[in-house]
Amino acid sequence: MLFCYFKIILNSQNRYSYDQLRAIIPKQKIVTPSIPLYISSGDVPLLCCLTKVDRSLIDGGAGLGERNSKGAALARNLIGTANRLSHLGHRFSGEPRGLFDEYCARCYPTLDAREASSIWRSAQKDNPTATLTDEALENCIKSWQRQQSINSQKVQTNDSKRATVTGDSGKSGDSYKRNY
């Protein structure tokens, strides 16, 4: 074991080892967040547990020539993600088929009901799996829960404040005089 001694030059001729010096340095405190991470006021939206690509497909659809292939991949992911969330014990809101129907309605040209049903049935038979890993799904849920907590705190803060411009009145609204 190697011992290093340092000489501290002041009025003292004392010698200290590394371990002695290290022992007097304060340890860093672990800070825990004041916002709880697992506040759940409801079921996590299924949409929050999808990839950005899948969310953009649901929001914007797909064009001619790629509607079926992208729709099939989306359907498999919707079914797989819903199954995986259930397996992991997470409740979610939003129906996989409903989200798929939103995608179909936003495609150009829209996918008719017969074609959409055909894609959906095929996806169900195709051993659908979630695109995201279990860890990524858990992170999506935690992120959504944090956002819910932040939004809840904003609502509580806004409800407790008076809505005045100058802050000199107990009445809500603007406190100014119009000159007509």
N, C-alpha and C. Protein backbone atom coordinates (compact mmCIF):
# COMPACT_ATOMS: atom_id res chain seq x y z
N MET A 1 0.84 -1.16 0.00
CA MET A 1 0.00 0.00 0.00
C MET A 1 0.90 1.24 0.00
N LEU A 2 0.60 2.15 -0.87
CA LEU A 2 1.40 3.35 -1.01
C LEU A 2 0.81 4.46 -0.16
N PHE A 3 1.62 5.04 0.67
CA PHE A 3 1.19 6.15 1.50
C PHE A 3 1.82 7.42 0.98
N CYS A 4 1.01 8.40 0.80
CA CYS A 4 1.51 9.70 0.37
C CYS A 4 1.28 10.68 1.50
N TYR A 5 2.28 11.44 1.82
CA TYR A 5 2.16 12.46 2.84
C TYR A 5 2.34 13.82 2.18
N PHE A 6 1.49 14.73 2.55
CA PHE A 6 1.57 16.08 2.03
C PHE A 6 1.89 17.01 3.18
N LYS A 7 2.67 17.97 2.89
CA LYS A 7 3.01 18.96 3.90
C LYS A 7 2.15 20.18 3.67
N ILE A 8 1.37 20.52 4.69
CA ILE A 8 0.55 21.72 4.61
C ILE A 8 1.38 22.83 5.24
N ILE A 9 1.63 23.82 4.43
CA ILE A 9 2.50 24.89 4.89
C ILE A 9 1.64 26.01 5.45
N LEU A 10 1.78 26.21 6.65
CA LEU A 10 1.19 27.33 7.39
C LEU A 10 2.08 27.50 8.60
N ASN A 11 1.50 27.56 9.71
CA ASN A 11 2.29 27.64 10.93
C ASN A 11 2.45 26.27 11.56
N SER A 12 1.99 25.24 10.87
CA SER A 12 2.01 23.90 11.44
C SER A 12 2.98 23.03 10.67
N GLN A 13 3.62 22.16 11.34
CA GLN A 13 4.52 21.20 10.70
C GLN A 13 3.90 19.81 10.68
N ASN A 14 2.58 19.72 10.85
CA ASN A 14 1.90 18.43 10.87
C ASN A 14 1.90 17.80 9.49
N ARG A 15 1.95 16.48 9.45
CA ARG A 15 1.86 15.73 8.20
C ARG A 15 0.58 14.91 8.22
N TYR A 16 -0.08 14.85 7.05
CA TYR A 16 -1.36 14.15 6.94
C TYR A 16 -1.29 13.16 5.78
N SER A 17 -1.90 12.01 5.97
CA SER A 17 -1.99 11.03 4.88
C SER A 17 -3.16 11.41 3.97
N TYR A 18 -3.19 10.79 2.83
CA TYR A 18 -4.30 11.00 1.90
C TYR A 18 -5.62 10.65 2.57
N ASP A 19 -5.66 9.51 3.26
CA ASP A 19 -6.89 9.06 3.92
C ASP A 19 -7.35 10.07 4.97
N GLN A 20 -6.40 10.66 5.71
CA GLN A 20 -6.76 11.64 6.72
C GLN A 20 -7.36 12.90 6.07
N LEU A 21 -6.77 13.33 4.98
CA LEU A 21 -7.29 14.51 4.28
C LEU A 21 -8.65 14.21 3.65
N ARG A 22 -8.75 13.04 3.09
CA ARG A 22 -10.01 12.66 2.44
C ARG A 22 -11.14 12.56 3.45
N ALA A 23 -10.81 12.14 4.66
CA ALA A 23 -11.83 11.97 5.69
C ALA A 23 -12.44 13.29 6.13
N ILE A 24 -11.71 14.38 6.01
CA ILE A 24 -12.25 15.67 6.46
C ILE A 24 -13.04 16.40 5.38
N ILE A 25 -13.00 15.89 4.16
CA ILE A 25 -13.79 16.49 3.09
C ILE A 25 -15.23 16.01 3.23
N PRO A 26 -16.19 16.93 3.26
CA PRO A 26 -17.60 16.52 3.44
C PRO A 26 -18.07 15.65 2.28
N LYS A 27 -18.86 14.65 2.62
CA LYS A 27 -19.43 13.77 1.60
C LYS A 27 -20.59 14.49 0.91
N GLN A 28 -20.76 14.19 -0.37
CA GLN A 28 -21.83 14.80 -1.13
C GLN A 28 -23.16 14.19 -0.71
N LYS A 29 -24.13 15.04 -0.43
CA LYS A 29 -25.45 14.57 -0.03
C LYS A 29 -26.23 14.14 -1.25
N ILE A 30 -27.00 13.07 -1.10
CA ILE A 30 -27.87 12.62 -2.17
C ILE A 30 -29.18 13.38 -2.05
N VAL A 31 -29.53 14.08 -3.10
CA VAL A 31 -30.74 14.89 -3.10
C VAL A 31 -31.85 14.09 -3.77
N THR A 32 -32.95 13.96 -3.06
CA THR A 32 -34.10 13.28 -3.65
C THR A 32 -35.08 14.33 -4.15
N PRO A 33 -35.69 14.10 -5.30
CA PRO A 33 -36.61 15.09 -5.85
C PRO A 33 -37.83 15.26 -4.97
N SER A 34 -38.34 16.48 -4.92
CA SER A 34 -39.52 16.75 -4.11
C SER A 34 -40.80 16.33 -4.81
N ILE A 35 -40.71 16.09 -6.13
CA ILE A 35 -41.89 15.65 -6.88
C ILE A 35 -41.89 14.13 -6.92
N PRO A 36 -42.91 13.49 -6.38
CA PRO A 36 -42.95 12.04 -6.44
C PRO A 36 -43.02 11.55 -7.89
N LEU A 37 -42.31 10.48 -8.17
CA LEU A 37 -42.27 9.98 -9.54
C LEU A 37 -43.45 9.10 -9.89
N TYR A 38 -44.12 8.55 -8.90
CA TYR A 38 -45.18 7.60 -9.19
C TYR A 38 -46.54 8.08 -8.74
N ILE A 39 -46.89 9.28 -9.12
CA ILE A 39 -48.23 9.77 -8.85
C ILE A 39 -49.06 9.46 -10.08
N SER A 40 -50.03 8.65 -9.91
CA SER A 40 -50.86 8.28 -11.05
C SER A 40 -52.29 8.66 -10.76
N SER A 41 -52.80 9.59 -11.53
CA SER A 41 -54.17 10.00 -11.36
C SER A 41 -55.06 9.33 -12.39
N GLY A 42 -54.51 8.40 -13.13
CA GLY A 42 -55.29 7.72 -14.13
C GLY A 42 -54.43 6.75 -14.92
N ASP A 43 -55.02 6.20 -15.92
CA ASP A 43 -54.32 5.24 -16.77
C ASP A 43 -53.44 6.00 -17.75
N VAL A 44 -52.28 5.43 -18.03
CA VAL A 44 -51.36 6.04 -18.98
C VAL A 44 -51.95 5.90 -20.39
N PRO A 45 -51.92 6.96 -21.18
CA PRO A 45 -52.42 6.84 -22.55
C PRO A 45 -51.51 5.92 -23.37
N LEU A 46 -52.12 5.00 -24.08
CA LEU A 46 -51.36 4.08 -24.94
C LEU A 46 -50.49 4.87 -25.91
N LEU A 47 -50.98 5.97 -26.39
CA LEU A 47 -50.25 6.81 -27.34
C LEU A 47 -48.89 7.24 -26.78
N CYS A 48 -48.81 7.45 -25.46
CA CYS A 48 -47.55 7.88 -24.82
C CYS A 48 -46.50 6.78 -24.81
N CYS A 49 -46.90 5.55 -25.04
CA CYS A 49 -45.98 4.41 -24.98
C CYS A 49 -45.56 3.94 -26.36
N LEU A 50 -45.79 4.76 -27.35
CA LEU A 50 -45.41 4.42 -28.73
C LEU A 50 -44.19 5.22 -29.14
N THR A 51 -43.54 4.78 -30.20
CA THR A 51 -42.39 5.52 -30.72
C THR A 51 -42.87 6.82 -31.36
N LYS A 52 -41.94 7.75 -31.56
CA LYS A 52 -42.28 9.01 -32.22
C LYS A 52 -42.80 8.77 -33.63
N VAL A 53 -42.22 7.79 -34.29
CA VAL A 53 -42.65 7.46 -35.66
C VAL A 53 -44.10 7.01 -35.65
N ASP A 54 -44.45 6.13 -34.71
CA ASP A 54 -45.83 5.65 -34.63
C ASP A 54 -46.80 6.77 -34.28
N ARG A 55 -46.40 7.64 -33.35
CA ARG A 55 -47.27 8.77 -32.99
C ARG A 55 -47.48 9.70 -34.18
N SER A 56 -46.44 9.92 -34.97
CA SER A 56 -46.60 10.80 -36.14
C SER A 56 -47.46 10.13 -37.21
N LEU A 57 -47.39 8.81 -37.31
CA LEU A 57 -48.28 8.11 -38.25
C LEU A 57 -49.74 8.27 -37.83
N ILE A 58 -50.01 8.14 -36.54
CA ILE A 58 -51.38 8.29 -36.06
C ILE A 58 -51.86 9.72 -36.27
N ASP A 59 -50.97 10.68 -36.07
CA ASP A 59 -51.33 12.09 -36.24
C ASP A 59 -51.49 12.49 -37.70
N GLY A 60 -50.68 11.89 -38.59
CA GLY A 60 -50.68 12.37 -39.97
C GLY A 60 -50.98 11.36 -41.06
N GLY A 61 -51.08 10.07 -40.69
CA GLY A 61 -51.35 9.05 -41.70
C GLY A 61 -50.14 8.81 -42.60
N ALA A 62 -50.39 8.21 -43.74
CA ALA A 62 -49.35 7.92 -44.74
C ALA A 62 -49.95 8.09 -46.12
N GLY A 63 -49.08 8.26 -47.09
CA GLY A 63 -49.54 8.47 -48.46
C GLY A 63 -49.66 7.18 -49.24
N LEU A 64 -50.22 7.32 -50.42
CA LEU A 64 -50.41 6.19 -51.32
C LEU A 64 -49.07 5.51 -51.58
N GLY A 65 -49.06 4.20 -51.54
CA GLY A 65 -47.85 3.44 -51.79
C GLY A 65 -47.16 2.98 -50.51
N GLU A 66 -47.51 3.58 -49.39
CA GLU A 66 -46.91 3.16 -48.12
C GLU A 66 -47.93 2.99 -47.01
N ARG A 67 -49.19 3.22 -47.33
CA ARG A 67 -50.25 3.13 -46.31
C ARG A 67 -50.32 1.74 -45.70
N ASN A 68 -50.32 0.70 -46.54
CA ASN A 68 -50.49 -0.67 -46.05
C ASN A 68 -49.29 -1.16 -45.24
N SER A 69 -48.09 -0.93 -45.75
CA SER A 69 -46.90 -1.42 -45.04
C SER A 69 -46.71 -0.68 -43.71
N LYS A 70 -46.87 0.64 -43.72
CA LYS A 70 -46.74 1.40 -42.47
C LYS A 70 -47.90 1.09 -41.54
N GLY A 71 -49.08 0.90 -42.09
CA GLY A 71 -50.24 0.54 -41.28
C GLY A 71 -50.08 -0.81 -40.61
N ALA A 72 -49.50 -1.77 -41.32
CA ALA A 72 -49.28 -3.10 -40.75
C ALA A 72 -48.27 -3.03 -39.60
N ALA A 73 -47.19 -2.28 -39.80
CA ALA A 73 -46.19 -2.13 -38.73
C ALA A 73 -46.81 -1.42 -37.53
N LEU A 74 -47.60 -0.39 -37.78
CA LEU A 74 -48.26 0.34 -36.70
C LEU A 74 -49.23 -0.57 -35.95
N ALA A 75 -50.02 -1.32 -36.67
CA ALA A 75 -51.00 -2.22 -36.04
C ALA A 75 -50.29 -3.25 -35.15
N ARG A 76 -49.21 -3.84 -35.66
CA ARG A 76 -48.46 -4.82 -34.85
C ARG A 76 -47.92 -4.17 -33.58
N ASN A 77 -47.41 -2.94 -33.70
CA ASN A 77 -46.87 -2.26 -32.53
C ASN A 77 -47.98 -1.88 -31.54
N LEU A 78 -49.11 -1.42 -32.04
CA LEU A 78 -50.22 -1.08 -31.16
C LEU A 78 -50.69 -2.29 -30.36
N ILE A 79 -50.87 -3.39 -31.04
CA ILE A 79 -51.32 -4.63 -30.37
C ILE A 79 -50.24 -5.12 -29.41
N GLY A 80 -48.99 -5.15 -29.88
CA GLY A 80 -47.89 -5.63 -29.05
C GLY A 80 -47.66 -4.76 -27.82
N THR A 81 -47.76 -3.44 -27.99
CA THR A 81 -47.55 -2.54 -26.86
C THR A 81 -48.67 -2.69 -25.83
N ALA A 82 -49.90 -2.79 -26.30
CA ALA A 82 -51.03 -2.99 -25.38
C ALA A 82 -50.86 -4.30 -24.61
N ASN A 83 -50.48 -5.36 -25.31
CA ASN A 83 -50.26 -6.65 -24.64
C ASN A 83 -49.12 -6.57 -23.63
N ARG A 84 -48.05 -5.87 -24.00
CA ARG A 84 -46.89 -5.79 -23.12
C ARG A 84 -47.21 -4.97 -21.87
N LEU A 85 -47.92 -3.86 -22.04
CA LEU A 85 -48.32 -3.04 -20.89
C LEU A 85 -49.19 -3.85 -19.94
N SER A 86 -50.12 -4.62 -20.48
CA SER A 86 -50.97 -5.48 -19.64
C SER A 86 -50.12 -6.52 -18.92
N HIS A 87 -49.18 -7.11 -19.63
CA HIS A 87 -48.29 -8.11 -19.03
C HIS A 87 -47.47 -7.52 -17.88
N LEU A 88 -47.03 -6.26 -18.05
CA LEU A 88 -46.22 -5.59 -17.03
C LEU A 88 -47.08 -5.05 -15.88
N GLY A 89 -48.40 -5.16 -16.02
CA GLY A 89 -49.30 -4.72 -14.95
C GLY A 89 -49.68 -3.26 -15.00
N HIS A 90 -49.53 -2.62 -16.15
CA HIS A 90 -49.88 -1.20 -16.29
C HIS A 90 -51.23 -1.07 -16.98
N ARG A 91 -52.07 -0.24 -16.37
CA ARG A 91 -53.36 0.07 -17.00
C ARG A 91 -53.14 1.21 -17.99
N PHE A 92 -53.83 1.15 -19.10
CA PHE A 92 -53.67 2.20 -20.10
C PHE A 92 -55.02 2.59 -20.65
N SER A 93 -55.06 3.78 -21.20
CA SER A 93 -56.29 4.27 -21.84
C SER A 93 -56.04 4.35 -23.34
N GLY A 94 -57.10 4.25 -24.07
CA GLY A 94 -57.01 4.26 -25.53
C GLY A 94 -57.01 2.84 -26.05
N GLU A 95 -57.82 2.62 -27.03
CA GLU A 95 -57.91 1.30 -27.64
C GLU A 95 -56.96 1.21 -28.82
N PRO A 96 -56.19 0.12 -28.91
CA PRO A 96 -55.27 -0.03 -30.04
C PRO A 96 -55.99 0.09 -31.39
N ARG A 97 -57.14 -0.52 -31.50
CA ARG A 97 -57.87 -0.47 -32.78
C ARG A 97 -58.35 0.95 -33.06
N GLY A 98 -58.76 1.67 -32.04
CA GLY A 98 -59.20 3.06 -32.22
C GLY A 98 -58.07 3.94 -32.74
N LEU A 99 -56.87 3.75 -32.20
CA LEU A 99 -55.71 4.52 -32.68
C LEU A 99 -55.37 4.14 -34.12
N PHE A 100 -55.49 2.85 -34.43
CA PHE A 100 -55.24 2.40 -35.80
C PHE A 100 -56.27 3.01 -36.76
N ASP A 101 -57.51 3.08 -36.32
CA ASP A 101 -58.56 3.69 -37.17
C ASP A 101 -58.29 5.18 -37.39
N GLU A 102 -57.72 5.86 -36.38
CA GLU A 102 -57.33 7.26 -36.57
C GLU A 102 -56.28 7.37 -37.67
N TYR A 103 -55.30 6.45 -37.63
CA TYR A 103 -54.27 6.42 -38.67
C TYR A 103 -54.92 6.24 -40.05
N CYS A 104 -55.82 5.27 -40.16
CA CYS A 104 -56.47 4.98 -41.44
C CYS A 104 -57.23 6.19 -41.97
N ALA A 105 -57.89 6.92 -41.07
CA ALA A 105 -58.67 8.08 -41.48
C ALA A 105 -57.77 9.23 -41.95
N ARG A 106 -56.53 9.26 -41.50
CA ARG A 106 -55.62 10.35 -41.85
C ARG A 106 -54.72 10.03 -43.04
N CYS A 107 -54.80 8.81 -43.51
CA CYS A 107 -54.03 8.45 -44.71
C CYS A 107 -54.60 9.15 -45.92
N TYR A 108 -53.73 9.30 -46.94
CA TYR A 108 -54.21 9.90 -48.19
C TYR A 108 -53.93 8.97 -49.35
N PRO A 109 -54.92 8.49 -50.01
CA PRO A 109 -56.34 8.54 -49.65
C PRO A 109 -56.60 7.64 -48.43
N THR A 110 -57.71 7.90 -47.76
CA THR A 110 -58.01 7.15 -46.54
C THR A 110 -58.16 5.66 -46.84
N LEU A 111 -57.80 4.86 -45.85
CA LEU A 111 -57.99 3.41 -45.98
C LEU A 111 -59.44 3.09 -45.64
N ASP A 112 -60.12 2.39 -46.54
CA ASP A 112 -61.52 2.07 -46.25
C ASP A 112 -61.60 0.98 -45.17
N ALA A 113 -62.77 0.79 -44.62
CA ALA A 113 -62.97 -0.12 -43.48
C ALA A 113 -62.57 -1.55 -43.82
N ARG A 114 -62.85 -1.99 -45.04
CA ARG A 114 -62.52 -3.37 -45.43
C ARG A 114 -61.00 -3.59 -45.45
N GLU A 115 -60.30 -2.64 -46.05
CA GLU A 115 -58.84 -2.74 -46.14
C GLU A 115 -58.20 -2.62 -44.75
N ALA A 116 -58.73 -1.70 -43.94
CA ALA A 116 -58.22 -1.52 -42.58
C ALA A 116 -58.42 -2.80 -41.76
N SER A 117 -59.57 -3.42 -41.87
CA SER A 117 -59.84 -4.66 -41.13
C SER A 117 -58.91 -5.78 -41.58
N SER A 118 -58.62 -5.82 -42.86
CA SER A 118 -57.72 -6.84 -43.40
C SER A 118 -56.30 -6.66 -42.82
N ILE A 119 -55.83 -5.43 -42.77
CA ILE A 119 -54.50 -5.14 -42.21
C ILE A 119 -54.49 -5.50 -40.73
N TRP A 120 -55.54 -5.14 -40.01
CA TRP A 120 -55.61 -5.40 -38.57
C TRP A 120 -55.60 -6.90 -38.27
N ARG A 121 -56.42 -7.65 -39.01
CA ARG A 121 -56.46 -9.12 -38.81
C ARG A 121 -55.11 -9.75 -39.10
N SER A 122 -54.46 -9.29 -40.13
CA SER A 122 -53.14 -9.81 -40.49
C SER A 122 -52.13 -9.52 -39.37
N ALA A 123 -52.20 -8.31 -38.81
CA ALA A 123 -51.29 -7.93 -37.73
C ALA A 123 -51.53 -8.78 -36.49
N GLN A 124 -52.78 -9.10 -36.20
CA GLN A 124 -53.10 -9.93 -35.03
C GLN A 124 -52.51 -11.33 -35.16
N LYS A 125 -52.48 -11.86 -36.37
CA LYS A 125 -51.97 -13.21 -36.61
C LYS A 125 -50.44 -13.24 -36.68
N ASP A 126 -49.82 -12.09 -36.81
CA ASP A 126 -48.39 -11.99 -37.10
C ASP A 126 -47.51 -11.92 -35.85
N ASN A 127 -47.97 -12.43 -34.71
CA ASN A 127 -47.22 -12.39 -33.46
C ASN A 127 -46.74 -10.97 -33.16
N PRO A 128 -47.69 -10.05 -32.93
CA PRO A 128 -47.32 -8.65 -32.73
C PRO A 128 -46.53 -8.42 -31.45
N THR A 129 -45.52 -7.57 -31.54
CA THR A 129 -44.69 -7.23 -30.38
C THR A 129 -44.55 -5.72 -30.30
N ALA A 130 -44.22 -5.26 -29.11
CA ALA A 130 -43.98 -3.83 -28.91
C ALA A 130 -42.63 -3.46 -29.52
N THR A 131 -42.55 -2.30 -30.10
CA THR A 131 -41.30 -1.82 -30.66
C THR A 131 -40.34 -1.43 -29.54
N LEU A 132 -40.88 -0.82 -28.49
CA LEU A 132 -40.05 -0.37 -27.38
C LEU A 132 -39.77 -1.52 -26.41
N THR A 133 -38.62 -1.47 -25.78
CA THR A 133 -38.26 -2.46 -24.76
C THR A 133 -39.08 -2.20 -23.50
N ASP A 134 -39.07 -3.16 -22.59
CA ASP A 134 -39.77 -2.98 -21.32
C ASP A 134 -39.23 -1.76 -20.58
N GLU A 135 -37.92 -1.58 -20.59
CA GLU A 135 -37.31 -0.44 -19.91
C GLU A 135 -37.77 0.88 -20.54
N ALA A 136 -37.84 0.91 -21.86
CA ALA A 136 -38.29 2.13 -22.54
C ALA A 136 -39.77 2.40 -22.24
N LEU A 137 -40.58 1.35 -22.16
CA LEU A 137 -41.99 1.52 -21.82
C LEU A 137 -42.12 2.09 -20.40
N GLU A 138 -41.34 1.56 -19.47
CA GLU A 138 -41.37 2.05 -18.09
C GLU A 138 -40.96 3.53 -18.05
N ASN A 139 -39.97 3.90 -18.85
CA ASN A 139 -39.53 5.30 -18.90
C ASN A 139 -40.62 6.20 -19.47
N CYS A 140 -41.35 5.71 -20.48
CA CYS A 140 -42.47 6.48 -21.04
C CYS A 140 -43.53 6.73 -19.98
N ILE A 141 -43.82 5.70 -19.20
CA ILE A 141 -44.84 5.80 -18.15
C ILE A 141 -44.38 6.78 -17.08
N LYS A 142 -43.12 6.68 -16.65
CA LYS A 142 -42.59 7.60 -15.63
C LYS A 142 -42.63 9.04 -16.14
N SER A 143 -42.28 9.24 -17.39
CA SER A 143 -42.30 10.58 -17.97
C SER A 143 -43.72 11.14 -17.97
N TRP A 144 -44.68 10.33 -18.35
CA TRP A 144 -46.08 10.76 -18.36
C TRP A 144 -46.54 11.09 -16.94
N GLN A 145 -46.15 10.26 -15.97
CA GLN A 145 -46.53 10.50 -14.58
C GLN A 145 -45.93 11.79 -14.05
N ARG A 146 -44.65 12.04 -14.38
CA ARG A 146 -44.02 13.30 -13.96
C ARG A 146 -44.76 14.48 -14.56
N GLN A 147 -45.10 14.38 -15.82
CA GLN A 147 -45.81 15.47 -16.49
C GLN A 147 -47.17 15.71 -15.83
N GLN A 148 -47.85 14.63 -15.46
CA GLN A 148 -49.14 14.75 -14.78
C GLN A 148 -48.95 15.46 -13.44
N SER A 149 -47.89 15.12 -12.73
CA SER A 149 -47.60 15.73 -11.44
C SER A 149 -47.31 17.22 -11.60
N ILE A 150 -46.53 17.57 -12.60
CA ILE A 150 -46.20 18.97 -12.87
C ILE A 150 -47.46 19.75 -13.24
N ASN A 151 -48.28 19.17 -14.11
CA ASN A 151 -49.53 19.83 -14.51
C ASN A 151 -50.46 20.00 -13.32
N SER A 152 -50.51 19.00 -12.46
CA SER A 152 -51.35 19.07 -11.27
C SER A 152 -50.88 20.19 -10.35
N GLN A 153 -49.57 20.33 -10.19
CA GLN A 153 -49.04 21.39 -9.34
C GLN A 153 -49.30 22.76 -9.94
N LYS A 154 -49.23 22.87 -11.27
CA LYS A 154 -49.51 24.16 -11.93
C LYS A 154 -50.96 24.56 -11.71
N VAL A 155 -51.87 23.60 -11.81
CA VAL A 155 -53.29 23.88 -11.61
C VAL A 155 -53.53 24.34 -10.18
N GLN A 156 -52.92 23.65 -9.20
CA GLN A 156 -53.08 24.03 -7.80
C GLN A 156 -52.52 25.43 -7.56
N THR A 157 -51.39 25.74 -8.14
CA THR A 157 -50.78 27.06 -7.98
C THR A 157 -51.64 28.13 -8.61
N ASN A 158 -52.13 27.89 -9.82
CA ASN A 158 -52.96 28.87 -10.51
C ASN A 158 -54.28 29.09 -9.80
N ASP A 159 -54.84 28.05 -9.21
CA ASP A 159 -56.11 28.18 -8.49
C ASP A 159 -55.94 29.02 -7.23
N SER A 160 -54.76 28.99 -6.63
CA SER A 160 -54.55 29.70 -5.37
C SER A 160 -54.19 31.16 -5.57
N LYS A 161 -53.87 31.57 -6.79
CA LYS A 161 -53.49 32.96 -7.06
C LYS A 161 -54.69 33.74 -7.57
N ARG A 162 -54.69 35.00 -7.28
CA ARG A 162 -55.72 35.89 -7.80
C ARG A 162 -55.29 36.36 -9.19
N ALA A 163 -56.25 36.48 -10.07
CA ALA A 163 -55.95 36.89 -11.44
C ALA A 163 -56.13 38.40 -11.58
N THR A 164 -55.24 39.17 -11.00
CA THR A 164 -55.29 40.62 -11.16
C THR A 164 -54.04 41.09 -11.89
N VAL A 165 -54.16 42.21 -12.52
CA VAL A 165 -53.02 42.75 -13.26
C VAL A 165 -52.06 43.44 -12.31
N THR A 166 -52.58 44.26 -11.42
CA THR A 166 -51.73 45.05 -10.55
C THR A 166 -51.47 44.41 -9.20
N GLY A 167 -52.26 43.44 -8.83
CA GLY A 167 -52.10 42.76 -7.55
C GLY A 167 -52.63 43.57 -6.39
N ASP A 168 -53.38 44.66 -6.67
CA ASP A 168 -53.87 45.52 -5.60
C ASP A 168 -55.35 45.28 -5.29
N SER A 169 -55.91 44.26 -5.86
CA SER A 169 -57.34 44.03 -5.68
C SER A 169 -57.59 42.58 -5.38
N GLY A 170 -58.59 42.34 -4.57
CA GLY A 170 -59.01 40.97 -4.28
C GLY A 170 -59.91 40.41 -5.36
N LYS A 171 -60.40 41.30 -6.21
CA LYS A 171 -61.28 40.86 -7.29
C LYS A 171 -60.44 40.40 -8.46
N SER A 172 -60.93 39.37 -9.17
CA SER A 172 -60.17 38.91 -10.32
C SER A 172 -60.49 39.75 -11.53
N GLY A 173 -59.54 39.85 -12.41
CA GLY A 173 -59.73 40.60 -13.64
C GLY A 173 -58.79 41.79 -13.70
N ASP A 174 -58.94 42.59 -14.72
CA ASP A 174 -58.07 43.74 -14.91
C ASP A 174 -58.58 44.90 -14.05
N SER A 175 -57.64 45.65 -13.51
CA SER A 175 -58.01 46.80 -12.70
C SER A 175 -57.49 48.06 -13.38
N TYR A 176 -58.21 48.51 -14.38
CA TYR A 176 -57.83 49.74 -15.05
C TYR A 176 -59.12 50.50 -15.39
N LYS A 177 -58.97 51.75 -15.65
CA LYS A 177 -60.11 52.59 -15.95
C LYS A 177 -60.05 52.97 -17.42
N ARG A 178 -61.14 52.74 -18.10
CA ARG A 178 -61.21 53.08 -19.53
C ARG A 178 -61.58 54.54 -19.68
N ASN A 179 -60.94 55.19 -20.62
CA ASN A 179 -61.27 56.58 -20.93
C ASN A 179 -61.86 56.63 -22.32
N TYR A 180 -63.18 56.82 -22.39
CA TYR A 180 -63.84 56.90 -23.69
C TYR A 180 -64.29 58.30 -23.95
